[in-house]
C-alpha cells in the first residue's frame, strides 16, 4: 500500500492533535520540540516511480534531477506542514 508524503504528514498532524487533547497544547508542543523525526524516501518513491517510468517521467527528468525533485518536495512538505504545528 502506498501512503503519500502528504498523507504521512497528515498522520503526524492528527497524532499531534490527539496528544494535545490528552496532554494539553503546551506539553504536546514541548514533546514534539524534544522529539527526533525520521523521514525516509523508500523504493516506491524512486524505483517504482522513476525506473518503471510511470507517466513518462524518464523523458522529463534525468535521474539526478528526479532525486532533487523528491528532496525538494520533502523539504517543502515538511516546512509547510510542521511550521503550522508551531513547535
PDB file of N, CA and C in Angstrom:
ATOM      1  N   UNK A   1       0.838  -1.173   0.000  1.00  0.00           N
ATOM      2  CA  UNK A   1       0.000   0.000   0.000  1.00  0.00           C
ATOM      3  C   UNK A   1       0.892   1.248   0.000  1.00  0.00           C
ATOM      4  N   UNK A   2       0.609   2.184  -0.860  1.00  0.00           N
ATOM      5  CA  UNK A   2       1.372   3.420  -0.957  1.00  0.00           C
ATOM      6  C   UNK A   2       0.681   4.508  -0.150  1.00  0.00           C
ATOM      7  N   UNK A   3       1.450   5.132   0.730  1.00  0.00           N
ATOM      8  CA  UNK A   3       0.950   6.257   1.505  1.00  0.00           C
ATOM      9  C   UNK A   3       1.790   7.457   1.098  1.00  0.00           C
ATOM     10  N   UNK A   4       1.143   8.449   0.542  1.00  0.00           N
ATOM     11  CA  UNK A   4       1.862   9.617   0.044  1.00  0.00           C
ATOM     12  C   UNK A   4       2.493  10.403   1.188  1.00  0.00           C
ATOM     13  N   UNK A   5       3.473  11.222   0.841  1.00  0.00           N
ATOM     14  CA  UNK A   5       4.110  12.069   1.838  1.00  0.00           C
ATOM     15  C   UNK A   5       3.088  12.978   2.506  1.00  0.00           C
ATOM     16  N   UNK A   6       2.190  13.524   1.726  1.00  0.00           N
ATOM     17  CA  UNK A   6       1.156  14.395   2.277  1.00  0.00           C
ATOM     18  C   UNK A   6       0.309  13.646   3.306  1.00  0.00           C
ATOM     19  N   UNK A   7      -0.045  12.407   2.996  1.00  0.00           N
ATOM     20  CA  UNK A   7      -0.834  11.605   3.932  1.00  0.00           C
ATOM     21  C   UNK A   7      -0.035  11.304   5.202  1.00  0.00           C
ATOM     22  N   UNK A   8       1.257  11.029   5.052  1.00  0.00           N
ATOM     23  CA  UNK A   8       2.092  10.741   6.212  1.00  0.00           C
ATOM     24  C   UNK A   8       2.190  11.962   7.130  1.00  0.00           C
ATOM     25  N   UNK A   9       2.368  13.131   6.540  1.00  0.00           N
ATOM     26  CA  UNK A   9       2.429  14.354   7.333  1.00  0.00           C
ATOM     27  C   UNK A   9       1.088  14.600   8.009  1.00  0.00           C
ATOM     28  N   UNK A  10       0.001  14.328   7.318  1.00  0.00           N
ATOM     29  CA  UNK A  10      -1.328  14.478   7.918  1.00  0.00           C
ATOM     30  C   UNK A  10      -1.476  13.554   9.120  1.00  0.00           C
ATOM     31  N   UNK A  11      -0.919  12.355   9.056  1.00  0.00           N
ATOM     32  CA  UNK A  11      -0.972  11.435  10.186  1.00  0.00           C
ATOM     33  C   UNK A  11      -0.224  12.001  11.396  1.00  0.00           C
ATOM     34  N   UNK A  12       0.903  12.659  11.145  1.00  0.00           N
ATOM     35  CA  UNK A  12       1.644  13.297  12.240  1.00  0.00           C
ATOM     36  C   UNK A  12       0.803  14.425  12.842  1.00  0.00           C
ATOM     37  N   UNK A  13       0.176  15.222  12.000  1.00  0.00           N
ATOM     38  CA  UNK A  13      -0.676  16.305  12.497  1.00  0.00           C
ATOM     39  C   UNK A  13      -1.841  15.758  13.319  1.00  0.00           C
ATOM     40  N   UNK A  14      -2.445  14.677  12.839  1.00  0.00           N
ATOM     41  CA  UNK A  14      -3.557  14.067  13.574  1.00  0.00           C
ATOM     42  C   UNK A  14      -3.096  13.565  14.932  1.00  0.00           C
ATOM     43  N   UNK A  15      -1.909  12.957  14.964  1.00  0.00           N
ATOM     44  CA  UNK A  15      -1.344  12.477  16.222  1.00  0.00           C
ATOM     45  C   UNK A  15      -1.089  13.635  17.168  1.00  0.00           C
ATOM     46  N   UNK A  16      -0.558  14.730  16.628  1.00  0.00           N
ATOM     47  CA  UNK A  16      -0.314  15.929  17.435  1.00  0.00           C
ATOM     48  C   UNK A  16      -1.623  16.420  18.069  1.00  0.00           C
ATOM     49  N   UNK A  17      -2.662  16.484  17.273  1.00  0.00           N
ATOM     50  CA  UNK A  17      -3.953  16.958  17.780  1.00  0.00           C
ATOM     51  C   UNK A  17      -4.506  16.047  18.875  1.00  0.00           C
ATOM     52  N   UNK A  18      -4.377  14.728  18.680  1.00  0.00           N
ATOM     53  CA  UNK A  18      -4.842  13.786  19.707  1.00  0.00           C
ATOM     54  C   UNK A  18      -4.046  13.936  20.995  1.00  0.00           C
ATOM     55  N   UNK A  19      -2.728  14.088  20.863  1.00  0.00           N
ATOM     56  CA  UNK A  19      -1.898  14.289  22.048  1.00  0.00           C
ATOM     57  C   UNK A  19      -2.234  15.602  22.740  1.00  0.00           C
ATOM     58  N   UNK A  20      -2.485  16.643  21.956  1.00  0.00           N
ATOM     59  CA  UNK A  20      -2.836  17.947  22.532  1.00  0.00           C
ATOM     60  C   UNK A  20      -4.132  17.860  23.336  1.00  0.00           C
ATOM     61  N   UNK A  21      -5.062  17.051  22.860  1.00  0.00           N
ATOM     62  CA  UNK A  21      -6.314  16.870  23.599  1.00  0.00           C
ATOM     63  C   UNK A  21      -6.071  16.121  24.903  1.00  0.00           C
ATOM     64  N   UNK A  22      -5.144  15.158  24.877  1.00  0.00           N
ATOM     65  CA  UNK A  22      -4.888  14.340  26.059  1.00  0.00           C
ATOM     66  C   UNK A  22      -3.920  15.005  27.043  1.00  0.00           C
ATOM     67  N   UNK A  23      -2.872  15.660  26.520  1.00  0.00           N
ATOM     68  CA  UNK A  23      -1.819  16.209  27.381  1.00  0.00           C
ATOM     69  C   UNK A  23      -1.887  17.715  27.554  1.00  0.00           C
ATOM     70  N   UNK A  24      -2.586  18.364  26.636  1.00  0.00           N
ATOM     71  CA  UNK A  24      -2.596  19.821  26.604  1.00  0.00           C
ATOM     72  C   UNK A  24      -1.635  20.313  25.536  1.00  0.00           C
ATOM     73  N   UNK A  25      -1.903  21.509  25.030  1.00  0.00           N
ATOM     74  CA  UNK A  25      -1.125  22.075  23.924  1.00  0.00           C
ATOM     75  C   UNK A  25       0.343  22.289  24.297  1.00  0.00           C
ATOM     76  N   UNK A  26       0.583  22.867  25.463  1.00  0.00           N
ATOM     77  CA  UNK A  26       1.965  23.186  25.862  1.00  0.00           C
ATOM     78  C   UNK A  26       2.805  21.920  26.021  1.00  0.00           C
ATOM     79  N   UNK A  27       2.259  20.912  26.676  1.00  0.00           N
ATOM     80  CA  UNK A  27       3.008  19.665  26.884  1.00  0.00           C
ATOM     81  C   UNK A  27       3.269  18.960  25.553  1.00  0.00           C
ATOM     82  N   UNK A  28       2.307  19.003  24.671  1.00  0.00           N
ATOM     83  CA  UNK A  28       2.480  18.362  23.364  1.00  0.00           C
ATOM     84  C   UNK A  28       3.518  19.099  22.531  1.00  0.00           C
ATOM     85  N   UNK A  29       3.465  20.420  22.529  1.00  0.00           N
ATOM     86  CA  UNK A  29       4.464  21.200  21.792  1.00  0.00           C
ATOM     87  C   UNK A  29       5.854  20.922  22.341  1.00  0.00           C
ATOM     88  N   UNK A  30       5.987  20.842  23.666  1.00  0.00           N
ATOM     89  CA  UNK A  30       7.278  20.536  24.282  1.00  0.00           C
ATOM     90  C   UNK A  30       7.746  19.132  23.886  1.00  0.00           C
ATOM     91  N   UNK A  31       6.849  18.181  23.893  1.00  0.00           N
ATOM     92  CA  UNK A  31       7.189  16.815  23.490  1.00  0.00           C
ATOM     93  C   UNK A  31       7.692  16.777  22.050  1.00  0.00           C
ATOM     94  N   UNK A  32       7.012  17.461  21.153  1.00  0.00           N
ATOM     95  CA  UNK A  32       7.425  17.488  19.743  1.00  0.00           C
ATOM     96  C   UNK A  32       8.750  18.224  19.567  1.00  0.00           C
ATOM     97  N   UNK A  33       8.962  19.293  20.354  1.00  0.00           N
ATOM     98  CA  UNK A  33      10.235  20.028  20.274  1.00  0.00           C
ATOM     99  C   UNK A  33      11.406  19.150  20.656  1.00  0.00           C
ATOM    100  N   UNK A  34      11.198  18.249  21.594  1.00  0.00           N
ATOM    101  CA  UNK A  34      12.274  17.383  22.073  1.00  0.00           C
ATOM    102  C   UNK A  34      12.370  16.073  21.303  1.00  0.00           C
ATOM    103  N   UNK A  35      11.488  15.873  20.346  1.00  0.00           N
ATOM    104  CA  UNK A  35      11.443  14.615  19.596  1.00  0.00           C
ATOM    105  C   UNK A  35      12.402  14.619  18.415  1.00  0.00           C
ATOM    106  N   UNK A  36      12.751  13.421  18.001  1.00  0.00           N
ATOM    107  CA  UNK A  36      13.552  13.220  16.795  1.00  0.00           C
ATOM    108  C   UNK A  36      12.619  12.634  15.746  1.00  0.00           C
ATOM    109  N   UNK A  37      12.639  13.221  14.556  1.00  0.00           N
ATOM    110  CA  UNK A  37      11.802  12.729  13.472  1.00  0.00           C
ATOM    111  C   UNK A  37      12.687  12.119  12.396  1.00  0.00           C
ATOM    112  N   UNK A  38      12.266  11.015  11.860  1.00  0.00           N
ATOM    113  CA  UNK A  38      12.991  10.335  10.801  1.00  0.00           C
ATOM    114  C   UNK A  38      12.139  10.368   9.541  1.00  0.00           C
ATOM    115  N   UNK A  39      12.691  10.916   8.480  1.00  0.00           N
ATOM    116  CA  UNK A  39      11.990  10.979   7.205  1.00  0.00           C
ATOM    117  C   UNK A  39      12.750  10.106   6.225  1.00  0.00           C
ATOM    118  N   UNK A  40      12.050   9.201   5.595  1.00  0.00           N
ATOM    119  CA  UNK A  40      12.696   8.270   4.684  1.00  0.00           C
ATOM    120  C   UNK A  40      11.967   8.256   3.347  1.00  0.00           C
ATOM    121  N   UNK A  41      12.755   8.268   2.283  1.00  0.00           N
ATOM    122  CA  UNK A  41      12.184   8.083   0.951  1.00  0.00           C
ATOM    123  C   UNK A  41      12.438   6.628   0.590  1.00  0.00           C
ATOM    124  N   UNK A  42      11.378   5.899   0.357  1.00  0.00           N
ATOM    125  CA  UNK A  42      11.508   4.471   0.100  1.00  0.00           C
ATOM    126  C   UNK A  42      11.540   4.130  -1.376  1.00  0.00           C
ATOM    127  N   UNK A  43      11.597   2.848  -1.628  1.00  0.00           N
ATOM    128  CA  UNK A  43      11.699   2.370  -3.004  1.00  0.00           C
ATOM    129  C   UNK A  43      10.506   2.790  -3.846  1.00  0.00           C
ATOM    130  N   UNK A  44       9.340   2.901  -3.223  1.00  0.00           N
ATOM    131  CA  UNK A  44       8.163   3.291  -4.003  1.00  0.00           C
ATOM    132  C   UNK A  44       8.273   4.710  -4.523  1.00  0.00           C
ATOM    133  N   UNK A  45       9.100   5.538  -3.864  1.00  0.00           N
ATOM    134  CA  UNK A  45       9.245   6.920  -4.293  1.00  0.00           C
ATOM    135  C   UNK A  45      10.205   7.082  -5.463  1.00  0.00           C
ATOM    136  N   UNK A  46      11.142   6.190  -5.600  1.00  0.00           N
ATOM    137  CA  UNK A  46      12.097   6.323  -6.699  1.00  0.00           C
ATOM    138  C   UNK A  46      12.042   5.132  -7.654  1.00  0.00           C
ATOM    139  N   UNK A  47      12.316   3.956  -7.147  1.00  0.00           N
ATOM    140  CA  UNK A  47      12.413   2.773  -8.022  1.00  0.00           C
ATOM    141  C   UNK A  47      11.099   2.505  -8.737  1.00  0.00           C
ATOM    142  N   UNK A  48      10.032   2.462  -7.987  1.00  0.00           N
ATOM    143  CA  UNK A  48       8.750   2.115  -8.604  1.00  0.00           C
ATOM    144  C   UNK A  48       8.212   3.231  -9.502  1.00  0.00           C
ATOM    145  N   UNK A  49       8.543   4.463  -9.172  1.00  0.00           N
ATOM    146  CA  UNK A  49       8.023   5.563  -9.980  1.00  0.00           C
ATOM    147  C   UNK A  49       8.962   5.909 -11.122  1.00  0.00           C
ATOM    148  N   UNK A  50      10.237   6.125 -10.816  1.00  0.00           N
ATOM    149  CA  UNK A  50      11.165   6.573 -11.859  1.00  0.00           C
ATOM    150  C   UNK A  50      11.587   5.417 -12.772  1.00  0.00           C
ATOM    151  N   UNK A  51      12.061   4.334 -12.185  1.00  0.00           N
ATOM    152  CA  UNK A  51      12.592   3.254 -13.016  1.00  0.00           C
ATOM    153  C   UNK A  51      11.510   2.536 -13.813  1.00  0.00           C
ATOM    154  N   UNK A  52      10.325   2.510 -13.291  1.00  0.00           N
ATOM    155  CA  UNK A  52       9.224   1.914 -14.065  1.00  0.00           C
ATOM    156  C   UNK A  52       8.632   2.919 -15.037  1.00  0.00           C
ATOM    157  N   UNK A  53       9.151   4.140 -14.985  1.00  0.00           N
ATOM    158  CA  UNK A  53       8.801   5.194 -15.930  1.00  0.00           C
ATOM    159  C   UNK A  53       7.302   5.523 -15.929  1.00  0.00           C
ATOM    160  N   UNK A  54       6.751   5.605 -14.741  1.00  0.00           N
ATOM    161  CA  UNK A  54       5.346   5.962 -14.598  1.00  0.00           C
ATOM    162  C   UNK A  54       5.118   7.344 -15.201  1.00  0.00           C
ATOM    163  N   UNK A  55       4.139   7.491 -16.013  1.00  0.00           N
ATOM    164  CA  UNK A  55       3.771   8.760 -16.665  1.00  0.00           C
ATOM    165  C   UNK A  55       4.889   9.357 -17.513  1.00  0.00           C
ATOM    166  N   UNK A  56       5.807   8.531 -17.994  1.00  0.00           N
ATOM    167  CA  UNK A  56       6.875   9.027 -18.854  1.00  0.00           C
ATOM    168  C   UNK A  56       7.854   9.938 -18.145  1.00  0.00           C
ATOM    169  N   UNK A  57       8.022   9.753 -16.840  1.00  0.00           N
ATOM    170  CA  UNK A  57       8.860  10.637 -16.033  1.00  0.00           C
ATOM    171  C   UNK A  57      10.314  10.642 -16.505  1.00  0.00           C
ATOM    172  N   UNK A  58      10.805   9.558 -17.053  1.00  0.00           N
ATOM    173  CA  UNK A  58      12.199   9.498 -17.515  1.00  0.00           C
ATOM    174  C   UNK A  58      12.450  10.436 -18.684  1.00  0.00           C
ATOM    175  N   UNK A  59      11.422  10.757 -19.434  1.00  0.00           N
ATOM    176  CA  UNK A  59      11.591  11.679 -20.561  1.00  0.00           C
ATOM    177  C   UNK A  59      11.675  13.131 -20.077  1.00  0.00           C
ATOM    178  N   UNK A  60      11.203  13.402 -18.877  1.00  0.00           N
ATOM    179  CA  UNK A  60      11.217  14.773 -18.355  1.00  0.00           C
ATOM    180  C   UNK A  60      12.397  15.061 -17.440  1.00  0.00           C
ATOM    181  N   UNK A  61      12.923  14.014 -16.758  1.00  0.00           N
ATOM    182  CA  UNK A  61      13.975  14.230 -15.766  1.00  0.00           C
ATOM    183  C   UNK A  61      15.091  13.200 -15.922  1.00  0.00           C
ATOM    184  N   UNK A  62      16.318  13.653 -15.751  1.00  0.00           N
ATOM    185  CA  UNK A  62      17.445  12.758 -15.584  1.00  0.00           C
ATOM    186  C   UNK A  62      17.374  12.213 -14.161  1.00  0.00           C
ATOM    187  N   UNK A  63      18.033  11.075 -13.882  1.00  0.00           N
ATOM    188  CA  UNK A  63      17.936  10.518 -12.522  1.00  0.00           C
ATOM    189  C   UNK A  63      18.291  11.512 -11.416  1.00  0.00           C
ATOM    190  N   UNK A  64      19.380  12.270 -11.574  1.00  0.00           N
ATOM    191  CA  UNK A  64      19.768  13.218 -10.517  1.00  0.00           C
ATOM    192  C   UNK A  64      18.760  14.360 -10.397  1.00  0.00           C
ATOM    193  N   UNK A  65      18.103  14.736 -11.495  1.00  0.00           N
ATOM    194  CA  UNK A  65      17.079  15.777 -11.439  1.00  0.00           C
ATOM    195  C   UNK A  65      15.850  15.282 -10.672  1.00  0.00           C
ATOM    196  N   UNK A  66      15.505  14.025 -10.917  1.00  0.00           N
ATOM    197  CA  UNK A  66      14.361  13.446 -10.222  1.00  0.00           C
ATOM    198  C   UNK A  66      14.650  13.327  -8.728  1.00  0.00           C
ATOM    199  N   UNK A  67      15.899  12.966  -8.386  1.00  0.00           N
ATOM    200  CA  UNK A  67      16.288  12.916  -6.975  1.00  0.00           C
ATOM    201  C   UNK A  67      16.096  14.281  -6.316  1.00  0.00           C
ATOM    202  N   UNK A  68      16.546  15.338  -7.002  1.00  0.00           N
ATOM    203  CA  UNK A  68      16.396  16.692  -6.473  1.00  0.00           C
ATOM    204  C   UNK A  68      14.926  17.070  -6.330  1.00  0.00           C
ATOM    205  N   UNK A  69      14.119  16.655  -7.284  1.00  0.00           N
ATOM    206  CA  UNK A  69      12.686  16.915  -7.212  1.00  0.00           C
ATOM    207  C   UNK A  69      12.090  16.278  -5.952  1.00  0.00           C
ATOM    208  N   UNK A  70      12.477  15.042  -5.670  1.00  0.00           N
ATOM    209  CA  UNK A  70      11.991  14.364  -4.466  1.00  0.00           C
ATOM    210  C   UNK A  70      12.452  15.079  -3.200  1.00  0.00           C
ATOM    211  N   UNK A  71      13.728  15.424  -3.148  1.00  0.00           N
ATOM    212  CA  UNK A  71      14.276  16.098  -1.971  1.00  0.00           C
ATOM    213  C   UNK A  71      13.566  17.431  -1.741  1.00  0.00           C
ATOM    214  N   UNK A  72      13.388  18.198  -2.799  1.00  0.00           N
ATOM    215  CA  UNK A  72      12.714  19.488  -2.670  1.00  0.00           C
ATOM    216  C   UNK A  72      11.254  19.332  -2.243  1.00  0.00           C
ATOM    217  N   UNK A  73      10.592  18.293  -2.741  1.00  0.00           N
ATOM    218  CA  UNK A  73       9.198  18.046  -2.344  1.00  0.00           C
ATOM    219  C   UNK A  73       9.117  17.706  -0.862  1.00  0.00           C
ATOM    220  N   UNK A  74      10.051  16.895  -0.383  1.00  0.00           N
ATOM    221  CA  UNK A  74      10.063  16.534   1.040  1.00  0.00           C
ATOM    222  C   UNK A  74      10.328  17.779   1.884  1.00  0.00           C
ATOM    223  N   UNK A  75      11.325  18.564   1.498  1.00  0.00           N
ATOM    224  CA  UNK A  75      11.631  19.797   2.236  1.00  0.00           C
ATOM    225  C   UNK A  75      10.417  20.713   2.312  1.00  0.00           C
ATOM    226  N   UNK A  76       9.785  20.929   1.182  1.00  0.00           N
ATOM    227  CA  UNK A  76       8.633  21.832   1.122  1.00  0.00           C
ATOM    228  C   UNK A  76       7.487  21.328   1.981  1.00  0.00           C
ATOM    229  N   UNK A  77       7.209  20.053   1.898  1.00  0.00           N
ATOM    230  CA  UNK A  77       6.102  19.473   2.665  1.00  0.00           C
ATOM    231  C   UNK A  77       6.361  19.605   4.161  1.00  0.00           C
ATOM    232  N   UNK A  78       7.585  19.322   4.571  1.00  0.00           N
ATOM    233  CA  UNK A  78       7.920  19.409   5.991  1.00  0.00           C
ATOM    234  C   UNK A  78       7.835  20.857   6.467  1.00  0.00           C
ATOM    235  N   UNK A  79       8.368  21.786   5.694  1.00  0.00           N
ATOM    236  CA  UNK A  79       8.313  23.195   6.081  1.00  0.00           C
ATOM    237  C   UNK A  79       6.879  23.672   6.203  1.00  0.00           C
ATOM    238  N   UNK A  80       6.052  23.338   5.231  1.00  0.00           N
ATOM    239  CA  UNK A  80       4.666  23.803   5.241  1.00  0.00           C
ATOM    240  C   UNK A  80       3.866  23.183   6.375  1.00  0.00           C
ATOM    241  N   UNK A  81       3.986  21.881   6.530  1.00  0.00           N
ATOM    242  CA  UNK A  81       3.128  21.180   7.475  1.00  0.00           C
ATOM    243  C   UNK A  81       3.593  21.331   8.915  1.00  0.00           C
ATOM    244  N   UNK A  82       4.872  21.192   9.175  1.00  0.00           N
ATOM    245  CA  UNK A  82       5.336  21.246  10.552  1.00  0.00           C
ATOM    246  C   UNK A  82       5.423  22.669  11.075  1.00  0.00           C
ATOM    247  N   UNK A  83       5.568  23.632  10.194  1.00  0.00           N
ATOM    248  CA  UNK A  83       5.562  25.013  10.636  1.00  0.00           C
ATOM    249  C   UNK A  83       4.213  25.360  11.263  1.00  0.00           C
ATOM    250  N   UNK A  84       3.159  24.798  10.722  1.00  0.00           N
ATOM    251  CA  UNK A  84       1.825  25.060  11.242  1.00  0.00           C
ATOM    252  C   UNK A  84       1.625  24.508  12.647  1.00  0.00           C
ATOM    253  N   UNK A  85       2.461  23.550  13.052  1.00  0.00           N
ATOM    254  CA  UNK A  85       2.325  22.975  14.390  1.00  0.00           C
ATOM    255  C   UNK A  85       2.883  23.884  15.477  1.00  0.00           C
ATOM    256  N   UNK A  86       3.586  24.954  15.050  1.00  0.00           N
ATOM    257  CA  UNK A  86       4.152  25.941  15.961  1.00  0.00           C
ATOM    258  C   UNK A  86       5.024  25.300  17.017  1.00  0.00           C
ATOM    259  N   UNK A  87       5.938  24.446  16.560  1.00  0.00           N
ATOM    260  CA  UNK A  87       6.857  23.798  17.510  1.00  0.00           C
ATOM    261  C   UNK A  87       8.257  24.319  17.351  1.00  0.00           C
TER     262      UNK A  87
END
